[in-house]
Protein backbone atom coordinates (compact mmCIF):
# COMPACT_ATOMS: atom_id res chain seq x y z
CA MET A 1 -12.97 -65.12 24.45
CA THR A 2 -9.46 -64.65 25.61
CA GLU A 3 -8.44 -62.03 28.14
CA GLU A 4 -6.39 -60.18 25.52
CA LYS A 5 -9.30 -59.99 23.06
CA LYS A 6 -11.66 -58.93 25.85
CA ALA A 7 -9.27 -56.11 26.86
CA LYS A 8 -9.00 -54.90 23.25
CA ASP A 9 -12.79 -54.91 22.89
CA GLU A 10 -13.19 -52.91 26.10
CA ILE A 11 -10.64 -50.34 24.87
CA ARG A 12 -12.43 -50.10 21.49
CA ILE A 13 -15.79 -49.65 23.20
CA GLU A 14 -14.42 -46.94 25.50
CA PHE A 15 -12.86 -45.09 22.54
CA GLU A 16 -16.21 -45.24 20.72
CA LYS A 17 -17.95 -43.84 23.81
CA LEU A 18 -15.27 -41.14 24.09
CA GLY A 19 -15.74 -40.19 20.43
CA GLU A 20 -19.52 -39.98 20.87
CA ASN A 21 -19.17 -37.93 24.05
CA ILE A 22 -16.77 -35.49 22.34
CA ARG A 23 -19.16 -35.19 19.39
CA GLN A 24 -22.07 -34.45 21.70
CA ALA A 25 -20.04 -31.97 23.75
CA VAL A 26 -18.94 -30.07 20.63
CA HIS A 27 -22.46 -30.13 19.23
CA GLY A 28 -23.86 -28.92 22.54
CA ALA A 29 -21.32 -26.13 22.78
CA TRP A 30 -22.03 -25.07 19.19
CA GLU A 31 -25.78 -25.04 19.74
CA SER A 32 -25.55 -23.37 23.15
CA GLU A 33 -27.22 -20.04 23.79
CA GLU A 34 -23.93 -18.68 25.13
CA ARG A 35 -22.14 -19.40 21.82
CA LYS A 36 -25.01 -17.86 19.87
CA ARG A 37 -24.95 -14.75 22.08
CA ILE A 38 -21.18 -14.35 21.71
CA SER A 39 -21.46 -14.89 17.95
CA LYS A 40 -24.16 -12.21 17.71
CA GLU A 41 -22.05 -9.78 19.78
CA ILE A 42 -19.06 -10.35 17.50
CA HIS A 43 -21.24 -9.91 14.40
CA ASP A 44 -22.82 -6.72 15.73
CA GLY A 45 -19.40 -5.39 16.78
CA LEU A 46 -17.99 -5.97 13.30
CA ILE A 47 -20.96 -4.18 11.75
CA GLU A 48 -20.41 -1.21 14.09
CA ILE A 49 -16.69 -1.11 13.26
CA GLY A 50 -17.56 -1.09 9.55
CA ALA A 51 -20.02 1.75 10.08
CA ALA A 52 -17.43 3.71 12.08
CA PHE A 53 -14.88 3.33 9.28
CA THR A 54 -17.47 4.47 6.76
CA ARG A 55 -18.24 7.56 8.85
CA LEU A 56 -14.52 8.28 9.25
CA GLY A 57 -13.98 7.93 5.51
CA ASP A 58 -16.85 10.31 4.83
CA GLU A 59 -15.47 12.85 7.31
CA ILE A 60 -12.01 12.65 5.77
CA ALA A 61 -13.39 12.96 2.24
CA GLU A 62 -15.33 16.07 3.22
CA SER A 63 -12.49 17.73 5.16
CA PRO A 64 -11.12 21.05 3.84
CA GLY A 65 -7.64 19.62 3.37
CA VAL A 66 -8.84 16.78 1.19
CA GLN A 67 -11.09 19.14 -0.76
CA ARG A 68 -8.10 21.45 -1.36
CA VAL A 69 -5.95 18.56 -2.57
CA ARG A 70 -8.77 17.39 -4.83
CA GLU A 71 -9.09 20.90 -6.30
CA GLU A 72 -5.33 21.16 -6.83
CA VAL A 73 -5.26 17.81 -8.60
CA ASP A 74 -8.18 18.89 -10.79
CA ASP A 75 -6.43 22.20 -11.54
CA PHE A 76 -3.20 20.42 -12.40
CA GLY A 77 -5.11 18.05 -14.68
CA GLU A 78 -6.69 21.01 -16.46
CA ARG A 79 -3.30 22.69 -16.88
CA ILE A 80 -1.88 19.49 -18.35
CA GLN A 81 -4.79 19.21 -20.79
CA SER A 82 -4.50 22.87 -21.78
CA GLY A 83 -0.81 22.44 -22.54
CA GLU A 84 0.23 24.97 -19.89
CA VAL A 85 2.28 22.42 -17.96
CA GLY A 86 3.86 21.04 -21.12
CA GLN A 87 4.82 24.54 -22.25
CA LYS A 88 6.28 25.35 -18.82
CA ILE A 89 8.33 22.14 -18.84
CA ASN A 90 9.48 22.90 -22.39
CA ASP A 91 10.49 26.46 -21.44
CA GLU A 92 12.40 25.27 -18.37
CA LEU A 93 14.15 22.54 -20.35
CA VAL A 94 15.21 25.01 -23.08
CA SER A 95 16.50 27.43 -20.43
CA LEU A 96 18.45 24.65 -18.69
CA LEU A 97 19.98 23.46 -21.96
CA GLN A 98 20.93 27.03 -22.90
CA THR A 99 22.67 27.49 -19.55
CA ILE A 100 24.55 24.22 -19.93
CA ASN A 101 25.59 25.11 -23.47
CA GLN A 102 26.78 28.56 -22.40
CA LYS A 103 28.88 27.12 -19.60
CA LEU A 104 30.33 24.45 -21.86
CA ASP A 105 31.07 27.05 -24.55
CA THR A 106 32.79 29.32 -22.01
CA HIS A 107 34.79 26.38 -20.70
CA ILE A 108 35.82 25.23 -24.18
CA LYS A 109 36.82 28.77 -25.24
CA GLY A 110 38.78 29.17 -22.01
CA GLU A 111 40.72 25.97 -22.61
CA THR A 112 41.35 26.89 -26.24
CA GLU A 113 42.74 30.29 -25.23
CA ASP A 114 44.88 28.71 -22.51
CA SER A 115 46.26 26.03 -24.82
CA ALA A 116 46.81 28.29 -27.87
CA PRO A 117 49.76 30.27 -26.42
CA SER A 118 51.47 27.12 -25.23
CA GLU A 119 51.19 25.57 -28.70
CA SER A 120 52.74 28.61 -30.31
CA ILE A 121 55.64 28.46 -27.87
CA ASP A 122 56.23 24.79 -28.75
CA GLU A 123 56.16 25.57 -32.47
CA GLY A 124 58.59 28.50 -32.21
């Protein structure tokens, strides 16, 4: 065996040993009691966070402010179904259109009156 081939074989053997040692180290770390303890602590902590959010959500849902908003939404829904809201919107729209028409009518009549004398002057 030549020196070059022997050197390559030694390098290959050392890489194989290194790979096996890394595999064993990772496996040992994964199976270690410390990793299992930390994993359990993280798991338990996440469960507690979830429970805290659930409690917070329940408290918020039961708060007077949320109850009031819920009642107002229900009341508004009932008014929509009864037609009360639709009638109110209709009434407001009619009133708005009447106001616009009155103002336009006044404006048009004002311009007609202003322009009528000047036309008669031009014709005369």
